[in-house]
Amino acid sequence: KDSICVFSSRSGNTKEIVAAAKFC
């Protein structure tokens, strides 16, 4: 919970990115 999780996405709907952001 103390990690900072950084994401980038052009579409904003890439399945793996959305799922990982929710996971974090």
PDB file of all heavy atoms in Angstrom:
ATOM      1  N   LYS A   1       0.829  -1.212   0.000  1.00  0.00           N
ATOM      2  CA  LYS A   1       0.000   0.000   0.000  1.00  0.00           C
ATOM      3  C   LYS A   1       0.857   1.253   0.000  1.00  0.00           C
ATOM      4  O   LYS A   1       0.365   2.355  -0.299  1.00  0.00           O
ATOM      5  CB  LYS A   1      -0.921   0.000   1.223  1.00  0.00           C
ATOM      6  CG  LYS A   1      -0.209   0.067   2.558  1.00  0.00           C
ATOM      7  CD  LYS A   1      -1.183   0.113   3.709  1.00  0.00           C
ATOM      8  CE  LYS A   1      -0.475   0.150   5.050  1.00  0.00           C
ATOM      9  NZ  LYS A   1       0.436   1.300   5.211  1.00  0.00           N
ATOM     10  N   ASP A   2       2.135   1.112   0.299  1.00  0.00           N
ATOM     11  CA  ASP A   2       3.038   2.267   0.311  1.00  0.00           C
ATOM     12  C   ASP A   2       3.722   2.488  -1.035  1.00  0.00           C
ATOM     13  O   ASP A   2       4.528   3.413  -1.182  1.00  0.00           O
ATOM     14  CB  ASP A   2       4.103   2.093   1.397  1.00  0.00           C
ATOM     15  CG  ASP A   2       3.498   2.060   2.793  1.00  0.00           C
ATOM     16  OD1 ASP A   2       2.590   2.857   3.058  1.00  0.00           O
ATOM     17  OD2 ASP A   2       3.935   1.223   3.607  1.00  0.00           O
ATOM     18  N   SER A   3       3.418   1.626  -2.016  1.00  0.00           N
ATOM     19  CA  SER A   3       3.997   1.783  -3.354  1.00  0.00           C
ATOM     20  C   SER A   3       3.273   2.886  -4.124  1.00  0.00           C
ATOM     21  O   SER A   3       2.083   3.118  -3.921  1.00  0.00           O
ATOM     22  CB  SER A   3       3.878   0.468  -4.136  1.00  0.00           C
ATOM     23  OG  SER A   3       4.597  -0.565  -3.506  1.00  0.00           O
ATOM     24  N   ILE A   4       3.996   3.538  -5.003  1.00  0.00           N
ATOM     25  CA  ILE A   4       3.406   4.473  -5.957  1.00  0.00           C
ATOM     26  C   ILE A   4       3.360   3.750  -7.298  1.00  0.00           C
ATOM     27  O   ILE A   4       4.384   3.270  -7.788  1.00  0.00           O
ATOM     28  CB  ILE A   4       4.251   5.755  -6.083  1.00  0.00           C
ATOM     29  CG1 ILE A   4       4.434   6.411  -4.711  1.00  0.00           C
ATOM     30  CG2 ILE A   4       3.610   6.725  -7.081  1.00  0.00           C
ATOM     31  CD1 ILE A   4       3.142   6.750  -3.999  1.00  0.00           C
ATOM     32  N   CYS A   5       2.173   3.655  -7.890  1.00  0.00           N
ATOM     33  CA  CYS A   5       1.983   2.883  -9.115  1.00  0.00           C
ATOM     34  C   CYS A   5       1.693   3.827 -10.276  1.00  0.00           C
ATOM     35  O   CYS A   5       0.722   4.592 -10.232  1.00  0.00           O
ATOM     36  CB  CYS A   5       0.855   1.878  -8.940  1.00  0.00           C
ATOM     37  SG  CYS A   5       1.183   0.710  -7.595  1.00  0.00           S
ATOM     38  N   VAL A   6       2.529   3.766 -11.292  1.00  0.00           N
ATOM     39  CA  VAL A   6       2.511   4.719 -12.402  1.00  0.00           C
ATOM     40  C   VAL A   6       2.026   4.020 -13.669  1.00  0.00           C
ATOM     41  O   VAL A   6       2.557   2.970 -14.047  1.00  0.00           O
ATOM     42  CB  VAL A   6       3.911   5.319 -12.627  1.00  0.00           C
ATOM     43  CG1 VAL A   6       3.882   6.325 -13.772  1.00  0.00           C
ATOM     44  CG2 VAL A   6       4.431   5.968 -11.340  1.00  0.00           C
ATOM     45  N   PHE A   7       1.033   4.620 -14.320  1.00  0.00           N
ATOM     46  CA  PHE A   7       0.448   4.050 -15.530  1.00  0.00           C
ATOM     47  C   PHE A   7       0.412   5.100 -16.641  1.00  0.00           C
ATOM     48  O   PHE A   7       0.298   6.295 -16.374  1.00  0.00           O
ATOM     49  CB  PHE A   7      -0.989   3.578 -15.268  1.00  0.00           C
ATOM     50  CG  PHE A   7      -1.107   2.496 -14.242  1.00  0.00           C
ATOM     51  CD1 PHE A   7      -1.274   2.807 -12.894  1.00  0.00           C
ATOM     52  CD2 PHE A   7      -1.054   1.162 -14.606  1.00  0.00           C
ATOM     53  CE1 PHE A   7      -1.383   1.810 -11.937  1.00  0.00           C
ATOM     54  CE2 PHE A   7      -1.162   0.151 -13.664  1.00  0.00           C
ATOM     55  CZ  PHE A   7      -1.331   0.479 -12.324  1.00  0.00           C
ATOM     56  N   SER A   8       0.456   4.606 -17.890  1.00  0.00           N
ATOM     57  CA  SER A   8       0.257   5.458 -19.065  1.00  0.00           C
ATOM     58  C   SER A   8      -0.639   4.707 -20.034  1.00  0.00           C
ATOM     59  O   SER A   8      -0.506   3.488 -20.193  1.00  0.00           O
ATOM     60  CB  SER A   8       1.581   5.766 -19.763  1.00  0.00           C
ATOM     61  OG  SER A   8       2.501   6.369 -18.897  1.00  0.00           O
ATOM     62  N   SER A   9      -1.550   5.426 -20.692  1.00  0.00           N
ATOM     63  CA  SER A   9      -2.427   4.767 -21.656  1.00  0.00           C
ATOM     64  C   SER A   9      -2.944   5.783 -22.659  1.00  0.00           C
ATOM     65  O   SER A   9      -3.414   6.854 -22.266  1.00  0.00           O
ATOM     66  CB  SER A   9      -3.610   4.104 -20.945  1.00  0.00           C
ATOM     67  OG  SER A   9      -4.489   3.503 -21.876  1.00  0.00           O
ATOM     68  N   ARG A  10      -2.840   5.440 -23.940  1.00  0.00           N
ATOM     69  CA  ARG A  10      -3.432   6.309 -24.961  1.00  0.00           C
ATOM     70  C   ARG A  10      -4.940   6.180 -24.949  1.00  0.00           C
ATOM     71  O   ARG A  10      -5.667   7.157 -24.829  1.00  0.00           O
ATOM     72  CB  ARG A  10      -2.899   5.969 -26.352  1.00  0.00           C
ATOM     73  CG  ARG A  10      -3.447   6.901 -27.448  1.00  0.00           C
ATOM     74  CD  ARG A  10      -3.158   6.380 -28.843  1.00  0.00           C
ATOM     75  NE  ARG A  10      -3.840   5.125 -29.113  1.00  0.00           N
ATOM     76  CZ  ARG A  10      -5.132   5.018 -29.431  1.00  0.00           C
ATOM     77  NH1 ARG A  10      -5.899   6.099 -29.496  1.00  0.00           N
ATOM     78  NH2 ARG A  10      -5.660   3.840 -29.667  1.00  0.00           N
ATOM     79  N   SER A  11      -5.432   4.950 -25.040  1.00  0.00           N
ATOM     80  CA  SER A  11      -6.880   4.719 -25.138  1.00  0.00           C
ATOM     81  C   SER A  11      -7.591   4.902 -23.807  1.00  0.00           C
ATOM     82  O   SER A  11      -8.750   5.318 -23.765  1.00  0.00           O
ATOM     83  CB  SER A  11      -7.148   3.303 -25.649  1.00  0.00           C
ATOM     84  OG  SER A  11      -6.744   2.342 -24.686  1.00  0.00           O
ATOM     85  N   GLY A  12      -6.913   4.549 -22.727  1.00  0.00           N
ATOM     86  CA  GLY A  12      -7.548   4.584 -21.418  1.00  0.00           C
ATOM     87  C   GLY A  12      -8.416   3.380 -21.138  1.00  0.00           C
ATOM     88  O   GLY A  12      -9.034   3.289 -20.070  1.00  0.00           O
ATOM     89  N   ASN A  13      -8.451   2.437 -22.080  1.00  0.00           N
ATOM     90  CA  ASN A  13      -9.298   1.259 -21.870  1.00  0.00           C
ATOM     91  C   ASN A  13      -8.579  -0.062 -22.118  1.00  0.00           C
ATOM     92  O   ASN A  13      -9.228  -1.110 -22.226  1.00  0.00           O
ATOM     93  CB  ASN A  13     -10.563   1.342 -22.733  1.00  0.00           C
ATOM     94  CG  ASN A  13     -10.266   1.352 -24.229  1.00  0.00           C
ATOM     95  OD1 ASN A  13      -9.171   1.008 -24.663  1.00  0.00           O
ATOM     96  ND2 ASN A  13     -11.240   1.763 -25.025  1.00  0.00           N
ATOM     97  N   THR A  14      -7.248  -0.038 -22.227  1.00  0.00           N
ATOM     98  CA  THR A  14      -6.496  -1.289 -22.379  1.00  0.00           C
ATOM     99  C   THR A  14      -6.793  -2.192 -21.186  1.00  0.00           C
ATOM    100  O   THR A  14      -6.596  -1.793 -20.035  1.00  0.00           O
ATOM    101  CB  THR A  14      -4.989  -1.009 -22.465  1.00  0.00           C
ATOM    102  OG1 THR A  14      -4.737  -0.055 -23.497  1.00  0.00           O
ATOM    103  CG2 THR A  14      -4.212  -2.286 -22.745  1.00  0.00           C
ATOM    104  N   LYS A  15      -7.261  -3.404 -21.456  1.00  0.00           N
ATOM    105  CA  LYS A  15      -7.768  -4.267 -20.390  1.00  0.00           C
ATOM    106  C   LYS A  15      -6.757  -4.501 -19.274  1.00  0.00           C
ATOM    107  O   LYS A  15      -7.089  -4.417 -18.087  1.00  0.00           O
ATOM    108  CB  LYS A  15      -8.235  -5.610 -20.969  1.00  0.00           C
ATOM    109  CG  LYS A  15      -9.496  -5.510 -21.807  1.00  0.00           C
ATOM    110  CD  LYS A  15      -9.928  -6.873 -22.322  1.00  0.00           C
ATOM    111  CE  LYS A  15     -11.210  -6.763 -23.138  1.00  0.00           C
ATOM    112  NZ  LYS A  15     -11.651  -8.095 -23.661  1.00  0.00           N
ATOM    113  N   GLU A  16      -5.514  -4.830 -19.654  1.00  0.00           N
ATOM    114  CA  GLU A  16      -4.511  -5.117 -18.628  1.00  0.00           C
ATOM    115  C   GLU A  16      -4.207  -3.898 -17.769  1.00  0.00           C
ATOM    116  O   GLU A  16      -3.982  -4.020 -16.566  1.00  0.00           O
ATOM    117  CB  GLU A  16      -3.218  -5.624 -19.282  1.00  0.00           C
ATOM    118  CG  GLU A  16      -3.343  -6.945 -20.014  1.00  0.00           C
ATOM    119  CD  GLU A  16      -3.573  -6.786 -21.495  1.00  0.00           C
ATOM    120  OE1 GLU A  16      -4.214  -5.776 -21.892  1.00  0.00           O
ATOM    121  OE2 GLU A  16      -3.110  -7.642 -22.258  1.00  0.00           O
ATOM    122  N   ILE A  17      -4.198  -2.726 -18.391  1.00  0.00           N
ATOM    123  CA  ILE A  17      -3.886  -1.502 -17.652  1.00  0.00           C
ATOM    124  C   ILE A  17      -5.023  -1.142 -16.691  1.00  0.00           C
ATOM    125  O   ILE A  17      -4.788  -0.808 -15.520  1.00  0.00           O
ATOM    126  CB  ILE A  17      -3.611  -0.334 -18.620  1.00  0.00           C
ATOM    127  CG1 ILE A  17      -2.394  -0.645 -19.492  1.00  0.00           C
ATOM    128  CG2 ILE A  17      -3.410   0.973 -17.856  1.00  0.00           C
ATOM    129  CD1 ILE A  17      -1.112  -0.871 -18.739  1.00  0.00           C
ATOM    130  N   VAL A  18      -6.254  -1.233 -17.167  1.00  0.00           N
ATOM    131  CA  VAL A  18      -7.401  -0.940 -16.300  1.00  0.00           C
ATOM    132  C   VAL A  18      -7.428  -1.911 -15.131  1.00  0.00           C
ATOM    133  O   VAL A  18      -7.615  -1.509 -13.967  1.00  0.00           O
ATOM    134  CB  VAL A  18      -8.719  -1.010 -17.102  1.00  0.00           C
ATOM    135  CG1 VAL A  18      -9.918  -0.822 -16.172  1.00  0.00           C
ATOM    136  CG2 VAL A  18      -8.737   0.047 -18.203  1.00  0.00           C
ATOM    137  N   ALA A  19      -7.233  -3.197 -15.409  1.00  0.00           N
ATOM    138  CA  ALA A  19      -7.267  -4.210 -14.344  1.00  0.00           C
ATOM    139  C   ALA A  19      -6.142  -3.993 -13.340  1.00  0.00           C
ATOM    140  O   ALA A  19      -6.343  -4.118 -12.118  1.00  0.00           O
ATOM    141  CB  ALA A  19      -7.173  -5.610 -14.955  1.00  0.00           C
ATOM    142  N   ALA A  20      -4.946  -3.649 -13.820  1.00  0.00           N
ATOM    143  CA  ALA A  20      -3.809  -3.437 -12.917  1.00  0.00           C
ATOM    144  C   ALA A  20      -4.000  -2.186 -12.072  1.00  0.00           C
ATOM    145  O   ALA A  20      -3.656  -2.167 -10.880  1.00  0.00           O
ATOM    146  CB  ALA A  20      -2.513  -3.347 -13.711  1.00  0.00           C
ATOM    147  N   ALA A  21      -4.538  -1.132 -12.669  1.00  0.00           N
ATOM    148  CA  ALA A  21      -4.801   0.091 -11.901  1.00  0.00           C
ATOM    149  C   ALA A  21      -5.821  -0.182 -10.787  1.00  0.00           C
ATOM    150  O   ALA A  21      -5.665   0.280  -9.648  1.00  0.00           O
ATOM    151  CB  ALA A  21      -5.297   1.188 -12.827  1.00  0.00           C
ATOM    152  N   LYS A  22      -6.857  -0.940 -11.110  1.00  0.00           N
ATOM    153  CA  LYS A  22      -7.857  -1.317 -10.092  1.00  0.00           C
ATOM    154  C   LYS A  22      -7.213  -2.178  -9.008  1.00  0.00           C
ATOM    155  O   LYS A  22      -7.467  -1.986  -7.807  1.00  0.00           O
ATOM    156  CB  LYS A  22      -9.017  -2.073 -10.729  1.00  0.00           C
ATOM    157  CG  LYS A  22     -10.123  -2.462  -9.751  1.00  0.00           C
ATOM    158  CD  LYS A  22     -11.249  -3.195 -10.450  1.00  0.00           C
ATOM    159  CE  LYS A  22     -12.408  -3.462  -9.487  1.00  0.00           C
ATOM    160  NZ  LYS A  22     -12.015  -4.266  -8.307  1.00  0.00           N
ATOM    161  N   PHE A  23      -6.376  -3.130  -9.415  1.00  0.00           N
ATOM    162  CA  PHE A  23      -5.677  -4.004  -8.480  1.00  0.00           C
ATOM    163  C   PHE A  23      -4.859  -3.176  -7.481  1.00  0.00           C
ATOM    164  O   PHE A  23      -4.901  -3.425  -6.262  1.00  0.00           O
ATOM    165  CB  PHE A  23      -4.770  -4.952  -9.273  1.00  0.00           C
ATOM    166  CG  PHE A  23      -3.973  -5.903  -8.438  1.00  0.00           C
ATOM    167  CD1 PHE A  23      -4.469  -7.149  -8.123  1.00  0.00           C
ATOM    168  CD2 PHE A  23      -2.703  -5.562  -7.989  1.00  0.00           C
ATOM    169  CE1 PHE A  23      -3.728  -8.050  -7.359  1.00  0.00           C
ATOM    170  CE2 PHE A  23      -1.949  -6.438  -7.227  1.00  0.00           C
ATOM    171  CZ  PHE A  23      -2.462  -7.685  -6.910  1.00  0.00           C
ATOM    172  N   CYS A  24      -4.117  -2.202  -7.994  1.00  0.00           N
ATOM    173  CA  CYS A  24      -3.276  -1.366  -7.128  1.00  0.00           C
ATOM    174  C   CYS A  24      -4.126  -0.492  -6.214  1.00  0.00           C
ATOM    175  O   CYS A  24      -3.833  -0.336  -5.024  1.00  0.00           O
ATOM    176  CB  CYS A  24      -2.352  -0.502  -7.974  1.00  0.00           C
ATOM    177  SG  CYS A  24      -1.132  -1.452  -8.908  1.00  0.00           S
TER     178      CYS A  24
END
